[in-house]
Protein backbone atom coordinates (compact mmCIF):
# COMPACT_ATOMS: atom_id res chain seq x y z
CA UNK A 1 -38.54 -26.78 -31.53
CA UNK A 2 -36.38 -25.91 -34.52
CA UNK A 3 -33.56 -28.19 -35.72
CA UNK A 4 -30.84 -25.65 -34.82
CA UNK A 5 -32.18 -25.26 -31.29
CA UNK A 6 -32.37 -29.08 -30.90
CA UNK A 7 -28.75 -29.45 -31.98
CA UNK A 8 -27.65 -26.74 -29.58
CA UNK A 9 -29.57 -28.38 -26.75
CA UNK A 10 -28.07 -31.77 -27.61
CA UNK A 11 -24.59 -30.22 -27.71
CA UNK A 12 -25.08 -28.75 -24.24
CA UNK A 13 -26.15 -32.13 -22.85
CA UNK A 14 -23.18 -33.89 -24.46
CA UNK A 15 -20.77 -31.32 -22.98
CA UNK A 16 -22.47 -31.64 -19.57
CA UNK A 17 -22.24 -35.47 -19.60
CA UNK A 18 -18.61 -35.35 -20.77
CA UNK A 19 -17.74 -32.86 -18.02
CA UNK A 20 -19.44 -35.09 -15.42
CA UNK A 21 -17.56 -38.19 -16.59
CA UNK A 22 -14.29 -36.26 -16.62
CA UNK A 23 -14.91 -34.91 -13.10
CA UNK A 24 -15.76 -38.42 -11.82
CA UNK A 25 -12.57 -39.82 -13.36
CA UNK A 26 -10.52 -36.96 -11.90
CA UNK A 27 -11.84 -37.51 -8.37
CA UNK A 28 -10.88 -41.18 -8.59
CA UNK A 29 -7.41 -40.46 -9.99
CA UNK A 30 -6.27 -37.44 -7.99
CA UNK A 31 -2.81 -38.89 -7.36
CA UNK A 32 -2.23 -39.41 -11.08
CA UNK A 33 -3.48 -35.90 -11.87
CA UNK A 34 -1.20 -34.28 -9.28
CA UNK A 35 1.73 -36.31 -10.60
CA UNK A 36 0.99 -35.17 -14.16
CA UNK A 37 0.66 -31.56 -13.02
CA UNK A 38 3.96 -31.89 -11.13
CA UNK A 39 5.70 -33.21 -14.26
CA UNK A 40 4.26 -30.41 -16.37
CA UNK A 41 5.39 -27.84 -13.79
CA UNK A 42 8.90 -29.34 -13.72
CA UNK A 43 9.17 -29.04 -17.51
CA UNK A 44 7.82 -25.50 -17.70
CA UNK A 45 9.16 -24.16 -14.37
CA UNK A 46 12.14 -22.30 -15.96
CA UNK A 47 9.72 -20.53 -18.28
CA UNK A 48 7.33 -19.77 -15.41
CA UNK A 49 10.29 -18.31 -13.53
CA UNK A 50 11.22 -16.34 -16.66
CA UNK A 51 7.69 -14.93 -16.88
CA UNK A 52 7.85 -13.91 -13.20
CA UNK A 53 11.26 -12.27 -13.69
CA UNK A 54 10.00 -10.49 -16.79
CA UNK A 55 6.96 -9.17 -14.93
CA UNK A 56 9.08 -7.82 -12.07
CA UNK A 57 11.74 -6.35 -14.38
CA UNK A 58 9.06 -4.74 -16.52
CA UNK A 59 8.36 -2.27 -13.68
CA UNK A 60 11.82 -0.59 -13.66
CA UNK A 61 12.23 -1.20 -17.40
CA UNK A 62 9.09 0.80 -18.19
CA UNK A 63 10.31 3.70 -16.04
CA UNK A 64 13.75 3.67 -17.71
CA UNK A 65 12.14 3.44 -21.14
CA UNK A 66 9.87 6.42 -20.46
CA UNK A 67 12.85 8.41 -19.18
CA UNK A 68 14.88 7.66 -22.33
CA UNK A 69 11.94 8.60 -24.53
CA UNK A 70 11.82 12.01 -22.83
CA UNK A 71 15.54 12.54 -23.46
CA UNK A 72 15.48 11.49 -27.13
CA UNK A 73 13.70 13.88 -29.54
CA UNK A 74 10.33 12.68 -30.84
CA UNK A 75 11.53 12.49 -34.44
CA UNK A 76 14.12 9.87 -33.48
CA UNK A 77 11.86 7.84 -31.21
CA UNK A 78 10.66 5.37 -33.86
CA UNK A 79 14.15 5.07 -35.34
CA UNK A 80 15.76 4.14 -32.03
CA UNK A 81 12.80 2.24 -30.57
CA UNK A 82 14.66 -1.09 -30.57
CA UNK A 83 17.79 0.49 -29.08
CA UNK A 84 15.73 2.15 -26.32
CA UNK A 85 14.15 -1.19 -25.45
CA UNK A 86 17.53 -2.98 -25.43
CA UNK A 87 19.15 -0.33 -23.22
CA UNK A 88 16.15 -0.40 -20.85
CA UNK A 89 16.36 -4.21 -20.52
CA UNK A 90 20.13 -4.13 -19.91
CA UNK A 91 19.84 -1.37 -17.29
CA UNK A 92 17.01 -3.21 -15.52
CA UNK A 93 19.04 -6.45 -15.45
CA UNK A 94 22.08 -4.54 -14.17
CA UNK A 95 19.91 -3.02 -11.45
CA UNK A 96 18.72 -6.49 -10.40
CA UNK A 97 22.26 -7.90 -10.46
CA UNK A 98 23.56 -4.91 -8.49
CA UNK A 99 20.91 -5.41 -5.81
CA UNK A 100 21.63 -9.15 -5.55
CA UNK A 101 25.40 -8.51 -5.62
CA UNK A 102 25.11 -5.79 -2.97
CA UNK A 103 23.14 -8.09 -0.68
CA UNK A 104 25.64 -10.91 -1.25
CA UNK A 105 28.58 -8.54 -0.69
CA UNK A 106 27.12 -7.43 2.62
CA UNK A 107 25.68 -10.74 3.73
CA UNK A 108 28.23 -13.43 2.78
CA UNK A 109 31.33 -12.02 4.57
CA UNK A 110 29.23 -11.26 7.65
CA UNK A 111 27.70 -14.73 7.52
CA UNK A 112 31.09 -16.43 7.19
CA UNK A 113 32.48 -14.40 10.08
CA UNK A 114 29.51 -15.24 12.26
CA UNK A 115 29.71 -18.96 11.40
CA UNK A 116 33.42 -18.98 12.27
CA UNK A 117 32.66 -17.24 15.57
CA UNK A 118 29.96 -19.78 16.38
CA UNK A 119 32.23 -22.69 15.41
CA UNK A 120 34.99 -21.33 17.64
CA UNK A 121 32.57 -21.17 20.55
CA UNK A 122 31.36 -24.76 20.07
CA UNK A 123 34.23 -26.44 22.03
CA UNK A 124 33.63 -24.15 25.01
CA UNK A 125 29.89 -24.86 24.84
CA UNK A 126 30.53 -28.62 24.67
CA UNK A 127 32.95 -28.45 27.62
CA UNK A 128 30.53 -26.39 29.71
CA UNK A 129 27.71 -28.78 28.77
CA UNK A 130 29.82 -31.75 29.83
CA UNK A 131 30.63 -30.12 33.18
CA UNK A 132 26.99 -29.23 33.70
CA UNK A 133 25.84 -32.80 33.04
CA UNK A 134 28.53 -34.26 35.31
CA UNK A 135 27.63 -31.85 38.10
CA UNK A 136 23.98 -32.76 37.74
CA UNK A 137 24.80 -36.45 38.02
CA UNK A 138 26.84 -36.25 41.23
CA UNK A 139 24.20 -38.32 42.91
CA UNK A 140 24.67 -41.06 40.30
CA UNK A 141 28.41 -41.92 40.31
CA UNK A 142 28.07 -44.93 37.98
CA UNK A 143 26.47 -42.84 35.21
CA UNK A 144 28.97 -40.05 35.88
CA UNK A 145 31.90 -42.44 35.29
CA UNK A 146 30.36 -43.63 32.02
CA UNK A 147 30.01 -40.04 30.76
CA UNK A 148 33.58 -39.20 31.75
CA UNK A 149 34.84 -42.32 29.99
CA UNK A 150 33.00 -41.36 26.79
CA UNK A 151 34.67 -37.95 26.74
CA UNK A 152 38.00 -39.47 27.78
CA UNK A 153 38.11 -42.08 24.99
CA UNK A 154 39.61 -40.29 22.03
CA UNK A 155 38.48 -43.07 19.73
CA UNK A 156 34.82 -42.43 20.48
CA UNK A 157 35.27 -38.69 20.12
CA UNK A 158 37.15 -39.20 16.87
CA UNK A 159 34.34 -41.37 15.58
CA UNK A 160 31.77 -38.75 16.43
CA UNK A 161 33.87 -36.00 14.84
CA UNK A 162 34.44 -38.17 11.75
CA UNK A 163 30.69 -38.77 11.38
CA UNK A 164 29.94 -35.08 11.80
CA UNK A 165 32.62 -34.11 9.24
CA UNK A 166 31.27 -36.70 6.76
CA UNK A 167 27.78 -35.28 7.19
CA UNK A 168 29.09 -31.74 6.67
CA UNK A 169 31.07 -32.72 3.54
CA UNK A 170 28.05 -34.50 2.04
CA UNK A 171 25.96 -31.45 2.83
CA UNK A 172 28.47 -29.15 1.13
CA UNK A 173 28.57 -31.38 -1.98
CA UNK A 174 24.78 -31.38 -2.14
CA UNK A 175 24.70 -27.63 -1.61
CA UNK A 176 27.20 -26.99 -4.43
CA UNK A 177 25.28 -29.34 -6.73
CA UNK A 178 22.08 -27.48 -5.89
CA UNK A 179 23.77 -24.16 -6.66
CA UNK A 180 24.87 -25.42 -10.11
CA UNK A 181 21.38 -26.73 -10.92
CA UNK A 182 19.84 -23.54 -9.59
CA UNK A 183 22.18 -21.41 -11.69
CA UNK A 184 21.18 -23.23 -14.88
CA UNK A 185 17.51 -22.95 -13.88
CA UNK A 186 17.78 -19.21 -13.15
CA UNK A 187 19.91 -18.53 -16.26
CA UNK A 188 17.28 -20.20 -18.48
CA UNK A 189 14.58 -18.15 -16.78
CA UNK A 190 16.51 -14.87 -17.31
CA UNK A 191 17.06 -15.62 -21.03
CA UNK A 192 13.34 -16.32 -21.43
CA UNK A 193 12.54 -13.13 -19.51
CA UNK A 194 14.73 -11.06 -21.87
CA UNK A 195 12.87 -12.44 -24.90
CA UNK A 196 9.52 -11.70 -23.24
CA UNK A 197 10.52 -8.12 -22.37
CA UNK A 198 11.83 -7.52 -25.86
CA UNK A 199 8.54 -8.59 -27.43
CA UNK A 200 6.06 -7.69 -24.70
CA UNK A 201 3.84 -5.65 -27.06
CA UNK A 202 3.56 -8.59 -29.46
CA UNK A 203 2.77 -10.95 -26.59
CA UNK A 204 0.06 -8.63 -25.24
CA UNK A 205 -1.34 -8.14 -28.73
CA UNK A 206 -1.37 -11.90 -29.32
CA UNK A 207 -3.14 -12.61 -26.04
CA UNK A 208 -5.67 -9.85 -26.76
CA UNK A 209 -6.41 -11.29 -30.20
CA UNK A 210 -6.75 -14.77 -28.68
CA UNK A 211 -9.23 -13.57 -26.05
CA UNK A 212 -11.38 -11.59 -28.48
CA UNK A 213 -11.13 -14.34 -31.12
CA UNK A 214 -12.45 -17.16 -28.92
CA UNK A 215 -14.91 -15.30 -26.68
CA UNK A 216 -17.83 -12.95 -27.13
CA UNK A 217 -16.98 -9.25 -27.17
CA UNK A 218 -18.81 -8.56 -23.90
CA UNK A 219 -16.98 -11.36 -22.07
CA UNK A 220 -13.68 -10.38 -23.69
CA UNK A 221 -14.11 -6.80 -22.43
CA UNK A 222 -14.64 -8.14 -18.90
CA UNK A 223 -11.55 -10.36 -19.16
CA UNK A 224 -9.43 -7.44 -20.36
CA UNK A 225 -10.79 -5.25 -17.58
CA UNK A 226 -9.86 -7.84 -14.94
CA UNK A 227 -6.42 -8.32 -16.54
CA UNK A 228 -5.76 -4.56 -16.52
CA UNK A 229 -6.85 -4.23 -12.88
CA UNK A 230 -4.72 -7.25 -11.88
CA UNK A 231 -1.64 -5.91 -13.64
CA UNK A 232 -2.07 -2.47 -12.07
CA UNK A 233 -2.58 -3.87 -8.55
CA UNK A 234 0.35 -6.32 -8.73
CA UNK A 235 2.71 -3.68 -10.15
CA UNK A 236 1.90 -1.20 -7.39
CA UNK A 237 2.12 -3.93 -4.75
CA UNK A 238 5.57 -5.11 -5.88
CA UNK A 239 6.93 -1.56 -6.00
CA UNK A 240 5.48 -0.66 -2.60
CA UNK A 241 6.60 -3.92 -0.97
CA UNK A 242 10.20 -3.45 -2.16
CA UNK A 243 10.32 0.14 -0.86
CA UNK A 244 8.78 -0.92 2.47
CA UNK A 245 11.30 -3.79 2.84
CA UNK A 246 14.25 -1.44 2.30
CA UNK A 247 12.85 1.06 4.81
CA UNK A 248 12.28 -1.59 7.51
CA UNK A 249 15.69 -3.21 6.94
CA UNK A 250 17.44 0.15 7.19
CA UNK A 251 15.60 1.09 10.40
CA UNK A 252 16.45 -2.26 12.04
CA UNK A 253 20.11 -1.93 11.01
CA UNK A 254 20.43 1.61 12.40
CA UNK A 255 18.65 0.72 15.66
CA UNK A 256 20.85 -2.37 16.14
CA UNK A 257 23.93 -0.21 15.69
CA UNK A 258 22.70 2.44 18.12
CA UNK A 259 21.75 -0.17 20.73
CA UNK A 260 25.04 -2.03 20.34
CA UNK A 261 23.47 -5.33 19.24
CA UNK A 262 25.83 -7.80 17.51
CA UNK A 263 25.25 -8.91 13.89
CA UNK A 264 23.60 -5.55 13.05
CA UNK A 265 24.37 -5.71 9.33
CA UNK A 266 23.35 -9.36 9.01
CA UNK A 267 20.04 -8.79 10.81
CA UNK A 268 19.32 -5.60 8.83
CA UNK A 269 19.86 -7.29 5.45
CA UNK A 270 17.93 -10.38 6.56
CA UNK A 271 15.04 -8.16 7.66
CA UNK A 272 14.98 -6.35 4.30
CA UNK A 273 14.95 -9.65 2.37
CA UNK A 274 12.33 -11.42 4.50
CA UNK A 275 10.14 -8.30 4.72
CA UNK A 276 9.24 -8.89 1.06
CA UNK A 277 6.82 -11.45 2.52
CA UNK A 278 3.99 -9.35 3.97
CA UNK A 279 3.46 -9.36 7.77
CA UNK A 280 5.09 -12.73 8.54
CA UNK A 281 8.39 -12.09 6.76
CA UNK A 282 9.84 -9.72 9.36
CA UNK A 283 8.92 -12.21 12.09
CA UNK A 284 11.42 -14.66 10.58
CA UNK A 285 14.20 -12.06 10.79
CA UNK A 286 13.22 -11.30 14.40
CA UNK A 287 13.46 -14.96 15.46
CA UNK A 288 16.78 -15.56 13.65
CA UNK A 289 18.22 -12.30 14.98
CA UNK A 290 17.17 -13.14 18.54
CA UNK A 291 18.80 -16.58 18.31
CA UNK A 292 22.08 -15.11 17.00
CA UNK A 293 22.18 -12.45 19.71
CA UNK A 294 21.17 -14.92 22.43
CA UNK A 295 24.31 -16.98 21.76
CA UNK A 296 26.38 -13.93 22.68
CA UNK A 297 24.12 -12.25 25.23
CA UNK A 298 20.66 -13.60 26.20
CA UNK A 299 19.66 -10.33 27.91
CA UNK A 300 20.40 -8.36 24.73
CA UNK A 301 18.32 -10.90 22.78
CA UNK A 302 15.28 -10.12 24.93
CA UNK A 303 15.85 -6.38 24.49
CA UNK A 304 16.23 -6.91 20.73
CA UNK A 305 12.90 -8.74 20.51
CA UNK A 306 11.15 -5.95 22.42
CA UNK A 307 12.74 -3.25 20.22
CA UNK A 308 11.95 -5.21 17.04
CA UNK A 309 8.28 -5.62 18.00
CA UNK A 310 7.97 -1.87 18.73
CA UNK A 311 9.58 -0.96 15.39
CA UNK A 312 7.39 -3.42 13.51
CA UNK A 313 4.26 -2.01 15.14
CA UNK A 314 5.25 1.52 14.12
CA UNK A 315 6.15 0.32 10.64
CA UNK A 316 2.96 -1.72 10.26
CA UNK A 317 0.65 1.07 11.43
CA UNK A 318 2.41 4.12 9.96
CA UNK A 319 4.80 3.26 7.13
CA UNK A 320 3.17 0.17 5.58
CA UNK A 321 -0.32 1.68 5.09
CA UNK A 322 1.17 4.71 3.31
CA UNK A 323 3.67 2.81 1.16
CA UNK A 324 1.75 -0.40 0.36
CA UNK A 325 -1.73 0.02 1.81
CA UNK A 326 -2.93 2.49 -0.81
CA UNK A 327 -2.00 0.12 -3.63
CA UNK A 328 -3.80 -2.82 -2.01
CA UNK A 329 -6.86 -1.15 -0.52
CA UNK A 330 -7.63 -3.86 2.04
CA UNK A 331 -8.28 -3.54 5.75
CA UNK A 332 -5.81 -5.19 8.18
CA UNK A 333 -8.30 -8.04 8.83
CA UNK A 334 -8.65 -8.92 5.13
CA UNK A 335 -4.91 -8.44 4.63
CA UNK A 336 -4.13 -10.99 7.35
CA UNK A 337 -6.78 -13.37 6.01
CA UNK A 338 -5.43 -13.15 2.43
CA UNK A 339 -1.84 -13.81 3.51
CA UNK A 340 -2.80 -16.66 5.85
CA UNK A 341 -4.97 -18.45 3.27
CA UNK A 342 -2.41 -17.89 0.53
CA UNK A 343 0.39 -19.20 2.75
CA UNK A 344 -1.57 -22.32 3.74
CA UNK A 345 -2.39 -23.12 0.12
CA UNK A 346 0.86 -22.25 -1.68
CA UNK A 347 3.48 -21.51 0.99
CA UNK A 348 5.72 -18.46 0.58
CA UNK A 349 4.48 -17.89 -2.99
CA UNK A 350 0.92 -17.80 -1.69
CA UNK A 351 1.88 -15.15 0.87
CA UNK A 352 3.42 -13.02 -1.88
CA UNK A 353 0.53 -13.19 -4.33
CA UNK A 354 -2.33 -13.65 -1.84
CA UNK A 355 -2.56 -9.98 -0.85
CA UNK A 356 -2.71 -8.35 -4.33
CA UNK A 357 -4.92 -11.18 -5.59
CA UNK A 358 -7.36 -10.62 -2.73
CA UNK A 359 -7.28 -6.90 -3.52
CA UNK A 360 -8.31 -7.61 -7.12
CA UNK A 361 -11.15 -9.91 -5.99
CA UNK A 362 -12.26 -7.32 -3.43
CA UNK A 363 -12.31 -4.52 -6.04
CA UNK A 364 -14.32 -6.61 -8.52
CA UNK A 365 -16.75 -7.78 -5.84
CA UNK A 366 -17.19 -4.23 -4.53
CA UNK A 367 -17.90 -2.93 -8.03
CA UNK A 368 -20.39 -5.73 -8.71
CA UNK A 369 -22.22 -5.17 -5.41
CA UNK A 370 -22.41 -1.41 -5.97
CA UNK A 371 -23.89 -1.94 -9.45
CA UNK A 372 -26.53 -4.34 -8.11
CA UNK A 373 -27.45 -1.93 -5.29
CA UNK A 374 -27.66 0.93 -7.78
CA UNK A 375 -29.83 -1.15 -10.06
CA UNK A 376 -32.17 -1.91 -7.15
CA UNK A 377 -32.07 1.77 -6.14
CA UNK A 378 -30.81 0.91 -2.65
CA UNK A 379 -28.63 3.34 -0.75
CA UNK A 380 -26.68 2.06 2.27
CA UNK A 381 -24.98 4.60 4.49
């Protein structure tokens, strides 16, 4: 054996032993590793959010940019390249802010009105609950007297009300504090997203150079192929999912109006927002909507659930396959499996990315299997 081959063999064994020791240490210190990963995620989370925002905004930004390039003569395209990019970023951000503002404008007043209505109905519900309990305890006069005395003693009631109000105030303070922290977090992410969108070509070029610089050309070509397929699948999925969510939300809103269900606007907007989560998202809106309607009219709530299920079946079997299904290319079984596994592993985020990620894996696996079958000269009908 030559000296060079011996050194290479020794290097492989050293790397293998080091990897084994590292894996053994990791298995015995999982808590420490997860804590370190959590700290790293906390530090970089605004930038991760910024990258996610930039990826989503890149979809409308690219369309706006292409539209502006068609309007501006070719001889001025290079001269105004920076201006075109800046205008495209601003318009995309304005589009995002308009969508969020529109949802807030529709949702917040309706939500406040509904909360006030529910709060106004609480005393009547408490009174009816008290009467119901007292009626049920007619056979037990001693317990009945105790219950009546509790409701009769204003001091006890005042104490309960005071505790409830204290809890509500603390909750409001925590909510406001969370909003402030969230605003700073989101603002940092948006600023980072703007920088990424402004220099996306440089970032892509840098990542391409890094991949080809540290890996063999054949492996680098495979990595770039997977990256291109992933980007294409995720972009189509996001666009299709947003369109499908708007369609479903609009249908639910119109049907609620026609059927005379209360909270039509609130349920429609909630459906559109939650429908961004494939399959299970609309179920959340159905449950919340049924609860809201049941407070006013339980019979209408049952009718609403039946109507919602029918609409979702039509949407899932007719609209969704045409709007989103073509971009994903998975059967309903694999779609459900991808969303379920993704949700169990990473929660809502896993549901969002599980479907397009499974589509990418499925496409790569299908291509690999077809190549192997072709190589073996096997034809399967």
